[in-house]
Amino acid sequence: MARLPLIPCRLLDPRPERKARRRPIAEAVNIPLRELALRTHELPPPEEQVAVTAIGPVAESAVAWLTGHRRPARLAGR
């Protein structure tokens, strides 16, 4: 079976997979915060900004992790 090419996410949902599945966010790609370091290949190129869905402390932690790893990021809607 052929693999589909990855579409880099522009809107990141860092919630745990179970919560994201229960209440999906339109156009957001779920990459749980604890998996972020292993799944950076799913993000846009390093020079492009990632908008993180503003869902409490986990979103703020995702922005902090991304910016700490030299990836431009912001909370969505800000």
C-alpha atoms as a PDB file:
ATOM      1  CA  MET A   1       0.000   0.000   0.000  1.00  0.00           C
ATOM      2  CA  ALA A   2       1.395   3.411  -0.970  1.00  0.00           C
ATOM      3  CA  ARG A   3       1.876   5.958   1.794  1.00  0.00           C
ATOM      4  CA  LEU A   4       0.271   9.338   1.404  1.00  0.00           C
ATOM      5  CA  PRO A   5       2.624  12.301   1.697  1.00  0.00           C
ATOM      6  CA  LEU A   6       2.497  14.087   5.029  1.00  0.00           C
ATOM      7  CA  ILE A   7       0.753  17.436   4.990  1.00  0.00           C
ATOM      8  CA  PRO A   8       2.619  19.676   7.427  1.00  0.00           C
ATOM      9  CA  CYS A   9       0.356  20.984  10.130  1.00  0.00           C
ATOM     10  CA  ARG A  10      -0.163  24.700  10.488  1.00  0.00           C
ATOM     11  CA  LEU A  11      -2.500  24.382  13.481  1.00  0.00           C
ATOM     12  CA  LEU A  12      -1.280  22.123  16.252  1.00  0.00           C
ATOM     13  CA  ASP A  13      -3.502  20.507  18.876  1.00  0.00           C
ATOM     14  CA  PRO A  14      -1.135  19.336  21.650  1.00  0.00           C
ATOM     15  CA  ARG A  15      -3.796  17.663  23.819  1.00  0.00           C
ATOM     16  CA  PRO A  16      -3.553  13.945  24.637  1.00  0.00           C
ATOM     17  CA  GLU A  17      -4.901  11.828  21.777  1.00  0.00           C
ATOM     18  CA  ARG A  18      -7.937  10.616  23.734  1.00  0.00           C
ATOM     19  CA  LYS A  19      -9.120  14.154  24.477  1.00  0.00           C
ATOM     20  CA  ALA A  20      -8.480  15.297  20.920  1.00  0.00           C
ATOM     21  CA  ARG A  21     -10.434  12.367  19.515  1.00  0.00           C
ATOM     22  CA  ARG A  22     -13.368  13.135  21.823  1.00  0.00           C
ATOM     23  CA  ARG A  23     -13.481  16.813  20.829  1.00  0.00           C
ATOM     24  CA  PRO A  24     -11.605  17.385  17.579  1.00  0.00           C
ATOM     25  CA  ILE A  25     -10.634  20.903  16.538  1.00  0.00           C
ATOM     26  CA  ALA A  26     -11.316  21.720  12.885  1.00  0.00           C
ATOM     27  CA  GLU A  27      -8.183  21.924  10.751  1.00  0.00           C
ATOM     28  CA  ALA A  28      -5.893  21.062  13.677  1.00  0.00           C
ATOM     29  CA  VAL A  29      -3.437  18.190  13.672  1.00  0.00           C
ATOM     30  CA  ASN A  30      -3.200  16.356  16.968  1.00  0.00           C
ATOM     31  CA  ILE A  31       0.361  15.793  18.097  1.00  0.00           C
ATOM     32  CA  PRO A  32       0.256  15.228  21.859  1.00  0.00           C
ATOM     33  CA  LEU A  33       2.765  17.334  23.761  1.00  0.00           C
ATOM     34  CA  ARG A  34       4.620  14.267  25.032  1.00  0.00           C
ATOM     35  CA  GLU A  35       5.115  13.080  21.409  1.00  0.00           C
ATOM     36  CA  LEU A  36       6.161  16.440  19.990  1.00  0.00           C
ATOM     37  CA  ALA A  37       9.913  15.792  20.081  1.00  0.00           C
ATOM     38  CA  LEU A  38       9.455  12.586  18.063  1.00  0.00           C
ATOM     39  CA  ARG A  39       7.049  14.070  15.522  1.00  0.00           C
ATOM     40  CA  THR A  40       8.635  17.363  14.493  1.00  0.00           C
ATOM     41  CA  HIS A  41       8.785  16.012  10.928  1.00  0.00           C
ATOM     42  CA  GLU A  42       5.020  16.587  10.820  1.00  0.00           C
ATOM     43  CA  LEU A  43       5.452  20.308  11.500  1.00  0.00           C
ATOM     44  CA  PRO A  44       6.067  22.960   8.846  1.00  0.00           C
ATOM     45  CA  PRO A  45       9.685  23.758   7.951  1.00  0.00           C
ATOM     46  CA  PRO A  46      11.601  25.258  10.905  1.00  0.00           C
ATOM     47  CA  GLU A  47      11.342  28.817   9.588  1.00  0.00           C
ATOM     48  CA  GLU A  48       7.520  28.713   9.389  1.00  0.00           C
ATOM     49  CA  GLN A  49       5.363  29.559  12.387  1.00  0.00           C
ATOM     50  CA  VAL A  50       3.122  26.974  14.015  1.00  0.00           C
ATOM     51  CA  ALA A  51      -0.138  28.137  15.571  1.00  0.00           C
ATOM     52  CA  VAL A  52      -1.010  26.122  18.675  1.00  0.00           C
ATOM     53  CA  THR A  53      -4.645  25.754  19.640  1.00  0.00           C
ATOM     54  CA  ALA A  54      -5.188  27.733  22.834  1.00  0.00           C
ATOM     55  CA  ILE A  55      -6.362  25.011  25.185  1.00  0.00           C
ATOM     56  CA  GLY A  56      -4.908  25.796  28.585  1.00  0.00           C
ATOM     57  CA  PRO A  57      -1.508  25.004  30.013  1.00  0.00           C
ATOM     58  CA  VAL A  58      -0.748  22.220  27.540  1.00  0.00           C
ATOM     59  CA  ALA A  59      -0.896  24.757  24.687  1.00  0.00           C
ATOM     60  CA  GLU A  60       1.400  27.140  26.531  1.00  0.00           C
ATOM     61  CA  SER A  61       3.812  24.271  27.185  1.00  0.00           C
ATOM     62  CA  ALA A  62       3.786  23.334  23.499  1.00  0.00           C
ATOM     63  CA  VAL A  63       4.585  26.927  22.481  1.00  0.00           C
ATOM     64  CA  ALA A  64       7.384  27.031  25.065  1.00  0.00           C
ATOM     65  CA  TRP A  65       8.820  23.731  23.811  1.00  0.00           C
ATOM     66  CA  LEU A  66       8.676  24.813  20.177  1.00  0.00           C
ATOM     67  CA  THR A  67      10.242  28.228  20.774  1.00  0.00           C
ATOM     68  CA  GLY A  68      12.847  26.640  23.033  1.00  0.00           C
ATOM     69  CA  HIS A  69      13.802  24.455  20.071  1.00  0.00           C
ATOM     70  CA  ARG A  70      14.052  27.433  17.721  1.00  0.00           C
ATOM     71  CA  ARG A  71      10.675  26.863  16.071  1.00  0.00           C
ATOM     72  CA  PRO A  72       8.474  29.953  15.746  1.00  0.00           C
ATOM     73  CA  ALA A  73       5.168  29.292  17.474  1.00  0.00           C
ATOM     74  CA  ARG A  74       2.245  31.203  18.929  1.00  0.00           C
ATOM     75  CA  LEU A  75      -1.095  30.506  20.567  1.00  0.00           C
ATOM     76  CA  ALA A  76      -3.822  30.527  17.921  1.00  0.00           C
ATOM     77  CA  GLY A  77      -5.953  33.632  17.989  1.00  0.00           C
ATOM     78  CA  ARG A  78      -3.185  35.820  19.398  1.00  0.00           C
END
